[in-house]
């Protein structure tokens, strides 16, 4: 395990910390590491709740590492057993997971938070899905957001890539609570984690399982259609010149030139 992902435990609580300066961006190798950590958490009966946090105050996570993508990391490459960041597609994870968000949660970083059951953030935190500006798709967020907030607000975020601050996120119900600073955030998240650690794990497992079934169209079915390129639009996007141009423009710090092919 590289130093990008570290863990510590207290009782039945697992704290997972992502530390990839400068922006905690996630490449394929890091995603696979995170998948190993979260799969082990799922399979360990002694662990009952997980906290997901990242190092630093400026970025929770910038999400998918576009510089790595420009250097050859395929957008549809091997993210590991849990999908992107180890949580997005991890099957049968019937334990509570808490996101401890400090700083900017961008793109896949926003999606990482959305993969958790509870989200706590600081007043200075903010959220955005700028994939549209790089000519690619925020796939998991496109599936999840319209189910978790008003459709028109979700589409505003997806279509414009605008920023949403923590107060607005809380107003739409995307964030459970907004705390004054990092210290207050950490204390609150650990209070909640200890409460859950003392709770009934079989009931928690059932709650999560039933909630997934009640969503209607199964997330995994839609996610498979995206990641396996079963949708024509997705297949065309991931094989396009524009998709690669978005990565190159980001790495070269210039405006992309879209060609529509």
Protein backbone atom coordinates (compact mmCIF):
# COMPACT_ATOMS: atom_id res chain seq x y z
CA UNK A 1 0.00 0.00 0.00
CA UNK A 2 1.44 3.35 -1.01
CA UNK A 3 1.42 6.43 1.17
CA UNK A 4 -1.49 7.82 -0.90
CA UNK A 5 -3.98 5.90 1.25
CA UNK A 6 -3.68 5.45 5.01
CA UNK A 7 -6.01 4.00 7.63
CA UNK A 8 -6.51 3.93 11.36
CA UNK A 9 -9.09 2.21 13.53
CA UNK A 10 -10.84 2.91 16.82
CA UNK A 11 -13.12 0.14 17.97
CA UNK A 12 -15.28 -0.73 15.00
CA UNK A 13 -14.51 2.53 13.17
CA UNK A 14 -12.19 2.64 10.15
CA UNK A 15 -10.84 6.04 9.11
CA UNK A 16 -9.56 6.14 5.53
CA UNK A 17 -7.41 9.11 4.48
CA UNK A 18 -6.46 9.94 0.89
CA UNK A 19 -3.27 12.00 0.67
CA UNK A 20 -2.14 12.84 -2.89
CA UNK A 21 -0.81 16.40 -3.04
CA UNK A 22 -1.69 18.87 -4.39
CA UNK A 23 -5.38 18.15 -4.97
CA UNK A 24 -6.00 14.55 -3.84
CA UNK A 25 -6.74 13.59 -7.44
CA UNK A 26 -7.33 9.89 -8.03
CA UNK A 27 -5.56 7.89 -10.74
CA UNK A 28 -6.13 4.25 -11.60
CA UNK A 29 -3.52 2.91 -9.16
CA UNK A 30 -4.88 4.95 -6.26
CA UNK A 31 -8.44 3.89 -7.07
CA UNK A 32 -7.40 0.25 -6.93
CA UNK A 33 -5.73 0.83 -3.55
CA UNK A 34 -8.87 2.44 -2.20
CA UNK A 35 -10.91 -0.47 -3.51
CA UNK A 36 -8.77 -2.91 -1.57
CA UNK A 37 -9.25 -0.87 1.61
CA UNK A 38 -13.02 -0.59 1.30
CA UNK A 39 -13.46 -4.24 0.28
CA UNK A 40 -11.49 -5.27 3.37
CA UNK A 41 -13.71 -2.99 5.47
CA UNK A 42 -16.82 -4.60 3.98
CA UNK A 43 -15.56 -8.11 4.71
CA UNK A 44 -14.26 -7.52 8.25
CA UNK A 45 -17.00 -8.25 10.82
CA UNK A 46 -15.08 -6.30 13.47
CA UNK A 47 -15.47 -3.05 11.50
CA UNK A 48 -18.87 -1.38 11.53
CA UNK A 49 -18.52 2.14 10.13
CA UNK A 50 -16.04 3.98 7.88
CA UNK A 51 -14.98 7.62 7.67
CA UNK A 52 -13.65 8.92 4.35
CA UNK A 53 -11.42 11.99 4.57
CA UNK A 54 -8.54 13.54 2.69
CA UNK A 55 -5.41 15.42 3.67
CA UNK A 56 -5.17 19.19 3.45
CA UNK A 57 -7.70 21.97 3.73
CA UNK A 58 -8.00 23.23 0.14
CA UNK A 59 -9.12 20.08 -1.67
CA UNK A 60 -11.28 17.23 -0.47
CA UNK A 61 -10.53 15.73 -3.87
CA UNK A 62 -10.19 17.00 -7.42
CA UNK A 63 -11.55 13.64 -8.56
CA UNK A 64 -10.25 11.88 -11.64
CA UNK A 65 -6.58 12.71 -12.28
CA UNK A 66 -6.78 14.42 -15.69
CA UNK A 67 -2.99 14.74 -15.91
CA UNK A 68 -2.71 10.98 -15.50
CA UNK A 69 -5.40 10.62 -18.16
CA UNK A 70 -3.42 12.82 -20.53
CA UNK A 71 -0.41 10.57 -19.89
CA UNK A 72 -2.32 7.41 -20.76
CA UNK A 73 -4.60 6.42 -17.85
CA UNK A 74 -7.73 5.32 -19.74
CA UNK A 75 -10.99 6.85 -18.55
CA UNK A 76 -12.54 3.38 -18.81
CA UNK A 77 -9.49 1.61 -17.37
CA UNK A 78 -9.26 -0.72 -14.38
CA UNK A 79 -10.39 1.27 -11.33
CA UNK A 80 -10.34 -1.83 -9.15
CA UNK A 81 -12.98 -3.94 -7.48
CA UNK A 82 -14.93 -1.01 -6.07
CA UNK A 83 -14.99 1.10 -9.19
CA UNK A 84 -13.81 4.70 -9.04
CA UNK A 85 -12.26 5.57 -5.65
CA UNK A 86 -13.13 2.12 -4.32
CA UNK A 87 -16.70 2.97 -3.32
CA UNK A 88 -18.69 3.88 -6.40
CA UNK A 89 -19.49 0.31 -7.47
CA UNK A 90 -18.50 -1.76 -4.43
CA UNK A 91 -21.12 -4.48 -4.13
CA UNK A 92 -22.85 -5.46 -0.91
CA UNK A 93 -21.33 -2.70 1.21
CA UNK A 94 -23.97 -2.84 3.93
CA UNK A 95 -22.14 -0.73 6.49
CA UNK A 96 -22.44 3.05 7.03
CA UNK A 97 -19.83 5.27 5.39
CA UNK A 98 -19.37 8.93 6.34
CA UNK A 99 -17.77 11.57 4.11
CA UNK A 100 -15.72 14.18 5.99
CA UNK A 101 -15.48 16.96 3.39
CA UNK A 102 -13.06 19.83 3.86
CA UNK A 103 -12.27 21.99 0.86
CA UNK A 104 -13.29 21.52 -2.77
CA UNK A 105 -15.03 18.32 -3.86
CA UNK A 106 -14.65 18.43 -7.62
CA UNK A 107 -15.86 15.98 -10.25
CA UNK A 108 -15.00 12.52 -9.04
CA UNK A 109 -14.31 14.03 -5.61
CA UNK A 110 -17.95 15.11 -5.48
CA UNK A 111 -18.91 11.61 -6.63
CA UNK A 112 -16.77 10.08 -3.89
CA UNK A 113 -18.78 12.05 -1.32
CA UNK A 114 -22.02 10.97 -3.03
CA UNK A 115 -20.93 7.34 -2.63
CA UNK A 116 -21.11 7.77 1.16
CA UNK A 117 -24.25 7.50 3.28
CA UNK A 118 -23.70 10.68 5.28
CA UNK A 119 -21.87 13.86 4.25
CA UNK A 120 -20.52 16.47 6.68
CA UNK A 121 -18.63 19.53 5.45
CA UNK A 122 -17.03 22.77 6.59
CA UNK A 123 -18.38 26.22 5.76
CA UNK A 124 -15.52 26.70 3.31
CA UNK A 125 -16.25 23.50 1.39
CA UNK A 126 -17.65 23.62 -2.13
CA UNK A 127 -18.81 21.21 -4.80
CA UNK A 128 -18.68 21.16 -8.60
CA UNK A 129 -18.98 18.83 -11.58
CA UNK A 130 -16.78 20.51 -14.22
CA UNK A 131 -16.56 17.44 -16.48
CA UNK A 132 -18.66 19.24 -19.08
CA UNK A 133 -15.81 21.74 -19.51
CA UNK A 134 -13.34 18.92 -20.18
CA UNK A 135 -15.62 17.27 -22.71
CA UNK A 136 -16.39 14.21 -20.63
CA UNK A 137 -19.17 12.78 -18.48
CA UNK A 138 -19.65 12.84 -14.71
CA UNK A 139 -21.18 9.38 -15.02
CA UNK A 140 -22.06 8.43 -11.44
CA UNK A 141 -23.25 11.96 -10.62
CA UNK A 142 -25.44 12.00 -13.73
CA UNK A 143 -27.16 8.88 -12.40
CA UNK A 144 -27.35 9.88 -8.74
CA UNK A 145 -27.94 13.63 -8.56
CA UNK A 146 -31.39 13.78 -10.24
CA UNK A 147 -32.56 11.21 -7.66
CA UNK A 148 -31.20 13.13 -4.68
CA UNK A 149 -32.19 16.71 -5.39
CA UNK A 150 -34.66 18.61 -7.61
CA UNK A 151 -34.13 17.64 -11.23
CA UNK A 152 -33.59 21.18 -12.49
CA UNK A 153 -30.97 21.92 -9.84
CA UNK A 154 -29.15 18.69 -10.64
CA UNK A 155 -29.17 19.48 -14.34
CA UNK A 156 -27.91 22.99 -13.64
CA UNK A 157 -24.86 21.52 -11.88
CA UNK A 158 -24.28 18.89 -14.57
CA UNK A 159 -24.80 21.14 -17.61
CA UNK A 160 -22.95 24.25 -16.42
CA UNK A 161 -20.25 22.87 -14.13
CA UNK A 162 -20.92 25.72 -11.70
CA UNK A 163 -19.79 25.76 -8.08
CA UNK A 164 -22.15 25.04 -5.19
CA UNK A 165 -21.10 26.11 -1.70
CA UNK A 166 -21.70 24.03 1.43
CA UNK A 167 -24.67 26.12 2.56
CA UNK A 168 -26.49 25.53 -0.73
CA UNK A 169 -25.57 21.83 -0.64
CA UNK A 170 -27.14 21.59 2.81
CA UNK A 171 -30.22 23.48 1.62
CA UNK A 172 -30.79 20.87 -1.10
CA UNK A 173 -30.16 18.02 1.35
CA UNK A 174 -26.88 16.87 -0.18
CA UNK A 175 -24.96 17.66 3.02
CA UNK A 176 -26.18 16.53 6.43
CA UNK A 177 -24.53 19.34 8.38
CA UNK A 178 -22.12 22.23 7.83
CA UNK A 179 -19.48 22.84 10.51
CA UNK A 180 -17.46 25.97 11.19
CA UNK A 181 -14.00 24.55 10.54
CA UNK A 182 -11.89 21.41 10.24
CA UNK A 183 -11.65 20.80 13.97
CA UNK A 184 -15.42 21.03 14.44
CA UNK A 185 -15.94 18.83 11.39
CA UNK A 186 -13.60 16.14 12.68
CA UNK A 187 -15.22 16.15 16.12
CA UNK A 188 -18.74 15.93 14.69
CA UNK A 189 -17.90 13.12 12.27
CA UNK A 190 -16.26 11.06 15.00
CA UNK A 191 -19.25 11.62 17.30
CA UNK A 192 -21.54 10.27 14.60
CA UNK A 193 -19.18 7.38 13.83
CA UNK A 194 -19.06 6.35 17.50
CA UNK A 195 -22.85 6.49 17.68
CA UNK A 196 -23.11 4.21 14.65
CA UNK A 197 -20.41 1.91 15.98
CA UNK A 198 -22.62 1.31 19.01
CA UNK A 199 -25.67 0.61 16.86
CA UNK A 200 -27.19 -2.61 15.44
CA UNK A 201 -25.09 -3.71 12.44
CA UNK A 202 -27.71 -6.11 11.07
CA UNK A 203 -30.33 -3.37 11.05
CA UNK A 204 -27.91 -0.99 9.35
CA UNK A 205 -27.18 -3.65 6.72
CA UNK A 206 -30.88 -4.16 6.10
CA UNK A 207 -31.55 -0.41 5.87
CA UNK A 208 -28.88 -0.01 3.20
CA UNK A 209 -30.01 -3.07 1.26
CA UNK A 210 -33.68 -2.07 1.26
CA UNK A 211 -32.86 1.54 0.35
CA UNK A 212 -30.91 0.35 -2.70
CA UNK A 213 -33.78 -1.86 -3.83
CA UNK A 214 -36.25 0.99 -3.38
CA UNK A 215 -34.39 3.30 -5.74
CA UNK A 216 -36.14 1.77 -8.75
CA UNK A 217 -33.69 1.31 -11.58
CA UNK A 218 -30.64 -0.26 -10.03
CA UNK A 219 -27.58 1.96 -9.95
CA UNK A 220 -25.34 -0.96 -10.94
CA UNK A 221 -27.39 -1.67 -14.07
CA UNK A 222 -27.12 1.93 -15.22
CA UNK A 223 -23.47 2.14 -14.16
CA UNK A 224 -22.66 -0.99 -16.17
CA UNK A 225 -24.30 0.58 -19.21
CA UNK A 226 -21.95 3.53 -18.79
CA UNK A 227 -18.69 1.81 -17.86
CA UNK A 228 -19.14 -0.99 -20.42
CA UNK A 229 -20.02 1.54 -23.12
CA UNK A 230 -23.38 -0.07 -23.78
CA UNK A 231 -24.93 3.33 -24.42
CA UNK A 232 -24.09 4.63 -27.88
CA UNK A 233 -23.52 8.17 -26.65
CA UNK A 234 -21.06 7.02 -23.99
CA UNK A 235 -19.16 4.82 -26.46
CA UNK A 236 -18.87 7.68 -28.93
CA UNK A 237 -17.71 10.10 -26.21
CA UNK A 238 -14.98 7.87 -24.75
CA UNK A 239 -13.62 7.08 -28.21
CA UNK A 240 -13.69 10.66 -29.48
CA UNK A 241 -11.04 13.21 -30.31
CA UNK A 242 -12.86 15.69 -28.07
CA UNK A 243 -12.48 13.42 -25.02
CA UNK A 244 -8.70 13.30 -25.43
CA UNK A 245 -8.63 17.02 -26.27
CA UNK A 246 -10.23 17.82 -22.92
CA UNK A 247 -7.49 15.96 -21.05
CA UNK A 248 -4.71 17.51 -23.15
CA UNK A 249 -6.07 21.03 -22.77
CA UNK A 250 -6.21 20.61 -18.98
CA UNK A 251 -2.64 19.28 -18.83
CA UNK A 252 -1.39 22.05 -21.14
CA UNK A 253 -3.35 24.77 -19.26
CA UNK A 254 -5.19 26.03 -22.34
CA UNK A 255 -8.76 26.27 -23.56
CA UNK A 256 -9.98 23.14 -25.33
CA UNK A 257 -10.92 23.21 -28.99
CA UNK A 258 -14.03 21.09 -29.47
CA UNK A 259 -14.62 19.41 -32.83
CA UNK A 260 -17.70 17.37 -32.07
CA UNK A 261 -16.00 14.13 -33.05
